[in-house]
Amino acid sequence: MKKLLLTGFEPFLDHADNPTRLLADTLDSEMIGEYVVKSAVLPVTFSEAAEVVVAKMKEYQPDAVMMLGLAAGRNRITPERVAINCSDGDVDNNGVRKQDEPIIADGPAAYFSTLPIRKYVDTLREAGIPAAISNTAGTYVCNNIMYQTLHYIEEKQLNAPAGFVHVPASSQMAIATPGVASMSEAEMLRAVRLMIEGM
């Protein structure tokens, strides 16, 4: 039986909730396609988030890794193409702000997702779910964990496809923030299940 590590995040900045936490919690232990899902909810911190991912990889020995994050303002599911070796942006949940800092000193400039992101987008669109490949995961904690996870896999020469997928704000979040693009949590769950089935 294959295992897939699925990660989400706790709330951060001025967001009262984070739909990726619900997605990870809901799908934990679910059998989807060839994979049993092992979930983890990560802290939104530069210093700890990637450490949790690596610890869970050592614990579960997953055959694939899918990391989820909130991109409030986007109006579709966006698998990320690339993570860059740079941290820069808002304060994290520890109150730490990074500016123009390499994630790993002397590390590669970037790592590309090894998930089948084009297939994901095609599958989701065929199912009527808005989706597009994103060419920037930003420079906040989402990009940070994508970069560090792919670096760890490369360093340890593991045979585990891995990457990051951003989701929009949930419909519940849109109630509190009128005008923000949103998607129902049920639709997000359907999207994540379809992507895991398409691994």
C-alpha atoms as a PDB file:
ATOM      1  CA  MET A   1       0.000   0.000   0.000  1.00  0.00           C
ATOM      2  CA  LYS A   2       1.432   3.354  -1.049  1.00  0.00           C
ATOM      3  CA  LYS A   3       1.469   6.317   1.319  1.00  0.00           C
ATOM      4  CA  LEU A   4       1.030   9.993   0.506  1.00  0.00           C
ATOM      5  CA  LEU A   5       2.013  12.729   2.935  1.00  0.00           C
ATOM      6  CA  LEU A   6      -0.523  15.561   2.705  1.00  0.00           C
ATOM      7  CA  THR A   7       0.209  18.791   4.538  1.00  0.00           C
ATOM      8  CA  GLY A   8      -1.861  21.860   5.325  1.00  0.00           C
ATOM      9  CA  PHE A   9      -1.231  24.958   7.427  1.00  0.00           C
ATOM     10  CA  GLU A  10      -2.604  26.605  10.526  1.00  0.00           C
ATOM     11  CA  PRO A  11      -4.178  30.096  10.180  1.00  0.00           C
ATOM     12  CA  PHE A  12      -1.785  32.994   9.644  1.00  0.00           C
ATOM     13  CA  LEU A  13      -1.650  36.781   9.357  1.00  0.00           C
ATOM     14  CA  ASP A  14      -5.212  38.145   9.492  1.00  0.00           C
ATOM     15  CA  HIS A  15      -6.887  34.913   8.342  1.00  0.00           C
ATOM     16  CA  ALA A  16      -9.141  33.461  11.038  1.00  0.00           C
ATOM     17  CA  ASP A  17      -8.913  30.009   9.493  1.00  0.00           C
ATOM     18  CA  ASN A  18      -7.036  28.122   6.820  1.00  0.00           C
ATOM     19  CA  PRO A  19      -8.921  25.757   4.505  1.00  0.00           C
ATOM     20  CA  THR A  20      -5.816  23.620   4.031  1.00  0.00           C
ATOM     21  CA  ARG A  21      -6.009  22.608   7.691  1.00  0.00           C
ATOM     22  CA  LEU A  22      -9.508  21.252   7.095  1.00  0.00           C
ATOM     23  CA  LEU A  23      -8.412  19.508   3.896  1.00  0.00           C
ATOM     24  CA  ALA A  24      -5.510  17.775   5.632  1.00  0.00           C
ATOM     25  CA  ASP A  25      -7.559  16.815   8.689  1.00  0.00           C
ATOM     26  CA  THR A  26     -10.508  15.541   6.634  1.00  0.00           C
ATOM     27  CA  LEU A  27      -8.427  13.388   4.300  1.00  0.00           C
ATOM     28  CA  ASP A  28      -6.152  11.900   6.963  1.00  0.00           C
ATOM     29  CA  SER A  29      -6.172   8.069   6.775  1.00  0.00           C
ATOM     30  CA  GLU A  30      -8.438   8.101   3.696  1.00  0.00           C
ATOM     31  CA  MET A  31      -7.651   5.656   0.894  1.00  0.00           C
ATOM     32  CA  ILE A  32      -7.571   7.568  -2.400  1.00  0.00           C
ATOM     33  CA  GLY A  33      -6.579   5.733  -5.557  1.00  0.00           C
ATOM     34  CA  GLU A  34      -3.396   3.810  -4.763  1.00  0.00           C
ATOM     35  CA  TYR A  35      -2.558   5.901  -1.701  1.00  0.00           C
ATOM     36  CA  VAL A  36      -3.446   5.982   1.954  1.00  0.00           C
ATOM     37  CA  VAL A  37      -3.217   9.597   3.098  1.00  0.00           C
ATOM     38  CA  LYS A  38      -1.054  10.572   6.063  1.00  0.00           C
ATOM     39  CA  SER A  39      -1.723  14.181   7.017  1.00  0.00           C
ATOM     40  CA  ALA A  40       0.078  16.865   8.979  1.00  0.00           C
ATOM     41  CA  VAL A  41      -0.903  20.445   9.811  1.00  0.00           C
ATOM     42  CA  LEU A  42       2.143  22.719   9.806  1.00  0.00           C
ATOM     43  CA  PRO A  43       3.003  25.851  11.743  1.00  0.00           C
ATOM     44  CA  VAL A  44       3.309  28.974   9.589  1.00  0.00           C
ATOM     45  CA  THR A  45       6.899  29.589  10.629  1.00  0.00           C
ATOM     46  CA  PHE A  46      10.081  29.807   8.600  1.00  0.00           C
ATOM     47  CA  SER A  47      12.059  27.904  11.236  1.00  0.00           C
ATOM     48  CA  GLU A  48       9.737  24.984  11.948  1.00  0.00           C
ATOM     49  CA  ALA A  49       7.423  24.197   9.021  1.00  0.00           C
ATOM     50  CA  ALA A  50       9.944  22.364   6.843  1.00  0.00           C
ATOM     51  CA  GLU A  51      11.338  20.556   9.886  1.00  0.00           C
ATOM     52  CA  VAL A  52       7.878  19.094  10.503  1.00  0.00           C
ATOM     53  CA  VAL A  53       7.599  17.960   6.868  1.00  0.00           C
ATOM     54  CA  VAL A  54      10.986  16.227   7.014  1.00  0.00           C
ATOM     55  CA  ALA A  55      10.133  14.625  10.371  1.00  0.00           C
ATOM     56  CA  LYS A  56       6.863  13.288   8.943  1.00  0.00           C
ATOM     57  CA  MET A  57       8.692  11.982   5.881  1.00  0.00           C
ATOM     58  CA  LYS A  58      11.087  10.092   8.136  1.00  0.00           C
ATOM     59  CA  GLU A  59       8.155   8.759  10.175  1.00  0.00           C
ATOM     60  CA  TYR A  60       5.836   7.745   7.327  1.00  0.00           C
ATOM     61  CA  GLN A  61       8.335   7.029   4.511  1.00  0.00           C
ATOM     62  CA  PRO A  62       5.786   8.326   1.969  1.00  0.00           C
ATOM     63  CA  ASP A  63       5.783   7.430  -1.713  1.00  0.00           C
ATOM     64  CA  ALA A  64       4.616  10.958  -2.598  1.00  0.00           C
ATOM     65  CA  VAL A  65       4.255  14.343  -0.910  1.00  0.00           C
ATOM     66  CA  MET A  66       1.562  16.944  -1.632  1.00  0.00           C
ATOM     67  CA  MET A  67       1.766  20.213   0.292  1.00  0.00           C
ATOM     68  CA  LEU A  68      -1.225  22.569   0.373  1.00  0.00           C
ATOM     69  CA  GLY A  69      -1.344  26.279   1.101  1.00  0.00           C
ATOM     70  CA  LEU A  70      -3.787  29.163   1.030  1.00  0.00           C
ATOM     71  CA  ALA A  71      -3.459  31.809  -1.675  1.00  0.00           C
ATOM     72  CA  ALA A  72      -6.269  34.190  -0.745  1.00  0.00           C
ATOM     73  CA  GLY A  73      -7.097  36.223  -3.835  1.00  0.00           C
ATOM     74  CA  ARG A  74      -6.551  33.443  -6.357  1.00  0.00           C
ATOM     75  CA  ASN A  75      -9.743  32.118  -7.893  1.00  0.00           C
ATOM     76  CA  ARG A  76      -8.660  28.595  -8.791  1.00  0.00           C
ATOM     77  CA  ILE A  77      -6.594  25.591  -7.718  1.00  0.00           C
ATOM     78  CA  THR A  78      -2.982  26.340  -8.649  1.00  0.00           C
ATOM     79  CA  PRO A  79      -0.325  23.612  -8.619  1.00  0.00           C
ATOM     80  CA  GLU A  80       3.043  25.323  -8.297  1.00  0.00           C
ATOM     81  CA  ARG A  81       5.728  24.767 -10.927  1.00  0.00           C
ATOM     82  CA  VAL A  82       8.787  25.989  -9.025  1.00  0.00           C
ATOM     83  CA  ALA A  83      10.177  26.943  -5.612  1.00  0.00           C
ATOM     84  CA  ILE A  84      13.011  29.468  -5.395  1.00  0.00           C
ATOM     85  CA  ASN A  85      15.841  29.787  -2.890  1.00  0.00           C
ATOM     86  CA  CYS A  86      14.570  32.985  -1.300  1.00  0.00           C
ATOM     87  CA  SER A  87      12.559  33.924   1.784  1.00  0.00           C
ATOM     88  CA  ASP A  88      11.023  37.381   1.835  1.00  0.00           C
ATOM     89  CA  GLY A  89       7.701  38.721   3.021  1.00  0.00           C
ATOM     90  CA  ASP A  90       5.285  39.174   5.891  1.00  0.00           C
ATOM     91  CA  VAL A  91       5.981  38.118   9.450  1.00  0.00           C
ATOM     92  CA  ASP A  92       5.366  34.469  10.244  1.00  0.00           C
ATOM     93  CA  ASN A  93       3.438  33.204  13.260  1.00  0.00           C
ATOM     94  CA  ASN A  94       6.556  33.560  15.410  1.00  0.00           C
ATOM     95  CA  GLY A  95       6.780  37.236  14.475  1.00  0.00           C
ATOM     96  CA  VAL A  96       9.827  36.602  12.278  1.00  0.00           C
ATOM     97  CA  ARG A  97      10.236  38.526   9.042  1.00  0.00           C
ATOM     98  CA  LYS A  98      12.640  37.413   6.320  1.00  0.00           C
ATOM     99  CA  GLN A  99      13.985  39.759   3.673  1.00  0.00           C
ATOM    100  CA  ASP A 100      16.036  38.653   0.662  1.00  0.00           C
ATOM    101  CA  GLU A 101      17.393  35.644   2.575  1.00  0.00           C
ATOM    102  CA  PRO A 102      18.441  32.389   0.918  1.00  0.00           C
ATOM    103  CA  ILE A 103      16.544  29.405   2.288  1.00  0.00           C
ATOM    104  CA  ILE A 104      19.647  27.229   2.034  1.00  0.00           C
ATOM    105  CA  ALA A 105      23.016  28.941   1.706  1.00  0.00           C
ATOM    106  CA  ASP A 106      24.723  27.825  -1.513  1.00  0.00           C
ATOM    107  CA  GLY A 107      21.638  25.785  -2.435  1.00  0.00           C
ATOM    108  CA  PRO A 108      20.342  25.600  -6.013  1.00  0.00           C
ATOM    109  CA  ALA A 109      18.499  28.675  -7.263  1.00  0.00           C
ATOM    110  CA  ALA A 110      15.288  26.686  -7.636  1.00  0.00           C
ATOM    111  CA  TYR A 111      13.632  23.287  -7.585  1.00  0.00           C
ATOM    112  CA  PHE A 112      10.835  22.245  -9.921  1.00  0.00           C
ATOM    113  CA  SER A 113       7.806  20.304  -8.716  1.00  0.00           C
ATOM    114  CA  THR A 114       7.999  16.603  -9.446  1.00  0.00           C
ATOM    115  CA  LEU A 115       4.225  16.174  -9.248  1.00  0.00           C
ATOM    116  CA  PRO A 116       2.316  15.766 -12.550  1.00  0.00           C
ATOM    117  CA  ILE A 117       1.017  19.326 -12.420  1.00  0.00           C
ATOM    118  CA  ARG A 118      -0.107  19.548 -16.055  1.00  0.00           C
ATOM    119  CA  LYS A 119      -2.125  16.373 -15.613  1.00  0.00           C
ATOM    120  CA  TYR A 120      -3.659  17.818 -12.448  1.00  0.00           C
ATOM    121  CA  VAL A 121      -4.810  20.961 -14.221  1.00  0.00           C
ATOM    122  CA  ASP A 122      -6.264  19.014 -17.150  1.00  0.00           C
ATOM    123  CA  THR A 123      -8.067  16.601 -14.807  1.00  0.00           C
ATOM    124  CA  LEU A 124      -9.531  19.371 -12.664  1.00  0.00           C
ATOM    125  CA  ARG A 125     -10.704  21.384 -15.650  1.00  0.00           C
ATOM    126  CA  GLU A 126     -12.366  18.307 -17.136  1.00  0.00           C
ATOM    127  CA  ALA A 127     -14.180  17.905 -13.808  1.00  0.00           C
ATOM    128  CA  GLY A 128     -15.374  21.517 -13.961  1.00  0.00           C
ATOM    129  CA  ILE A 129     -12.993  22.789 -11.273  1.00  0.00           C
ATOM    130  CA  PRO A 130     -11.079  25.995 -12.118  1.00  0.00           C
ATOM    131  CA  ALA A 131      -7.340  25.261 -12.186  1.00  0.00           C
ATOM    132  CA  ALA A 132      -4.110  26.617 -13.655  1.00  0.00           C
ATOM    133  CA  ILE A 133      -0.386  26.067 -13.238  1.00  0.00           C
ATOM    134  CA  SER A 134       1.239  28.803 -11.171  1.00  0.00           C
ATOM    135  CA  ASN A 135       4.786  29.888 -11.922  1.00  0.00           C
ATOM    136  CA  THR A 136       5.367  31.470  -8.525  1.00  0.00           C
ATOM    137  CA  ALA A 137       4.847  30.021  -5.072  1.00  0.00           C
ATOM    138  CA  GLY A 138       5.805  33.404  -3.631  1.00  0.00           C
ATOM    139  CA  THR A 139       8.615  33.850  -1.115  1.00  0.00           C
ATOM    140  CA  TYR A 140       6.715  33.163   2.104  1.00  0.00           C
ATOM    141  CA  VAL A 141       6.470  29.906   4.082  1.00  0.00           C
ATOM    142  CA  CYS A 142       4.731  27.993   1.252  1.00  0.00           C
ATOM    143  CA  ASN A 143       7.677  28.492  -1.085  1.00  0.00           C
ATOM    144  CA  ASN A 144      10.027  27.780   1.811  1.00  0.00           C
ATOM    145  CA  ILE A 145       8.661  24.316   2.563  1.00  0.00           C
ATOM    146  CA  MET A 146       8.362  23.389  -1.104  1.00  0.00           C
ATOM    147  CA  TYR A 147      12.011  24.291  -1.635  1.00  0.00           C
ATOM    148  CA  GLN A 148      13.265  22.561   1.504  1.00  0.00           C
ATOM    149  CA  THR A 149      11.224  19.401   0.896  1.00  0.00           C
ATOM    150  CA  LEU A 150      12.481  19.044  -2.673  1.00  0.00           C
ATOM    151  CA  HIS A 151      16.026  19.770  -1.460  1.00  0.00           C
ATOM    152  CA  TYR A 152      15.727  17.009   1.153  1.00  0.00           C
ATOM    153  CA  ILE A 153      14.415  14.542  -1.430  1.00  0.00           C
ATOM    154  CA  GLU A 154      17.253  15.425  -3.809  1.00  0.00           C
ATOM    155  CA  GLU A 155      19.862  15.233  -1.056  1.00  0.00           C
ATOM    156  CA  LYS A 156      18.650  11.826   0.162  1.00  0.00           C
ATOM    157  CA  GLN A 157      17.991  10.598  -3.406  1.00  0.00           C
ATOM    158  CA  LEU A 158      14.463   9.534  -2.522  1.00  0.00           C
ATOM    159  CA  ASN A 159      12.057   8.279  -5.155  1.00  0.00           C
ATOM    160  CA  ALA A 160       9.054  10.324  -4.047  1.00  0.00           C
ATOM    161  CA  PRO A 161       7.344  12.897  -6.269  1.00  0.00           C
ATOM    162  CA  ALA A 162       6.623  16.069  -4.333  1.00  0.00           C
ATOM    163  CA  GLY A 163       5.244  19.539  -4.826  1.00  0.00           C
ATOM    164  CA  PHE A 164       2.938  22.277  -3.672  1.00  0.00           C
ATOM    165  CA  VAL A 165      -0.641  23.244  -4.522  1.00  0.00           C
ATOM    166  CA  HIS A 166      -2.270  26.545  -3.584  1.00  0.00           C
ATOM    167  CA  VAL A 167      -6.013  26.748  -2.992  1.00  0.00           C
ATOM    168  CA  PRO A 168      -8.287  29.829  -2.892  1.00  0.00           C
ATOM    169  CA  ALA A 169      -9.998  31.212   0.172  1.00  0.00           C
ATOM    170  CA  SER A 170     -12.923  29.115   1.346  1.00  0.00           C
ATOM    171  CA  SER A 171     -16.512  30.269   0.929  1.00  0.00           C
ATOM    172  CA  GLN A 172     -16.649  30.709   4.710  1.00  0.00           C
ATOM    173  CA  MET A 173     -13.658  33.060   4.574  1.00  0.00           C
ATOM    174  CA  ALA A 174     -15.338  35.057   1.817  1.00  0.00           C
ATOM    175  CA  ILE A 175     -18.253  35.819   4.135  1.00  0.00           C
ATOM    176  CA  ALA A 176     -15.847  37.622   6.457  1.00  0.00           C
ATOM    177  CA  THR A 177     -13.991  39.266   3.564  1.00  0.00           C
ATOM    178  CA  PRO A 178     -16.532  40.356   0.931  1.00  0.00           C
ATOM    179  CA  GLY A 179     -15.200  40.413  -2.600  1.00  0.00           C
ATOM    180  CA  VAL A 180     -12.404  37.888  -2.117  1.00  0.00           C
ATOM    181  CA  ALA A 181     -12.359  35.052  -4.656  1.00  0.00           C
ATOM    182  CA  SER A 182     -13.397  31.789  -3.043  1.00  0.00           C
ATOM    183  CA  MET A 183     -14.203  28.119  -3.514  1.00  0.00           C
ATOM    184  CA  SER A 184     -16.297  25.833  -1.336  1.00  0.00           C
ATOM    185  CA  GLU A 185     -14.452  23.435   0.931  1.00  0.00           C
ATOM    186  CA  ALA A 186     -16.392  20.567  -0.659  1.00  0.00           C
ATOM    187  CA  GLU A 187     -15.050  21.549  -4.085  1.00  0.00           C
ATOM    188  CA  MET A 188     -11.513  21.794  -2.707  1.00  0.00           C
ATOM    189  CA  LEU A 189     -11.840  18.314  -1.212  1.00  0.00           C
ATOM    190  CA  ARG A 190     -13.012  16.987  -4.565  1.00  0.00           C
ATOM    191  CA  ALA A 191     -10.037  18.654  -6.249  1.00  0.00           C
ATOM    192  CA  VAL A 192      -7.478  17.208  -3.851  1.00  0.00           C
ATOM    193  CA  ARG A 193      -8.974  13.734  -4.172  1.00  0.00           C
ATOM    194  CA  LEU A 194      -8.832  13.981  -7.973  1.00  0.00           C
ATOM    195  CA  MET A 195      -5.187  15.084  -7.874  1.00  0.00           C
ATOM    196  CA  ILE A 196      -4.200  12.236  -5.566  1.00  0.00           C
ATOM    197  CA  GLU A 197      -6.048   9.759  -7.784  1.00  0.00           C
ATOM    198  CA  GLY A 198      -4.045  11.152 -10.713  1.00  0.00           C
ATOM    199  CA  MET A 199      -0.611  10.635  -9.162  1.00  0.00           C
END
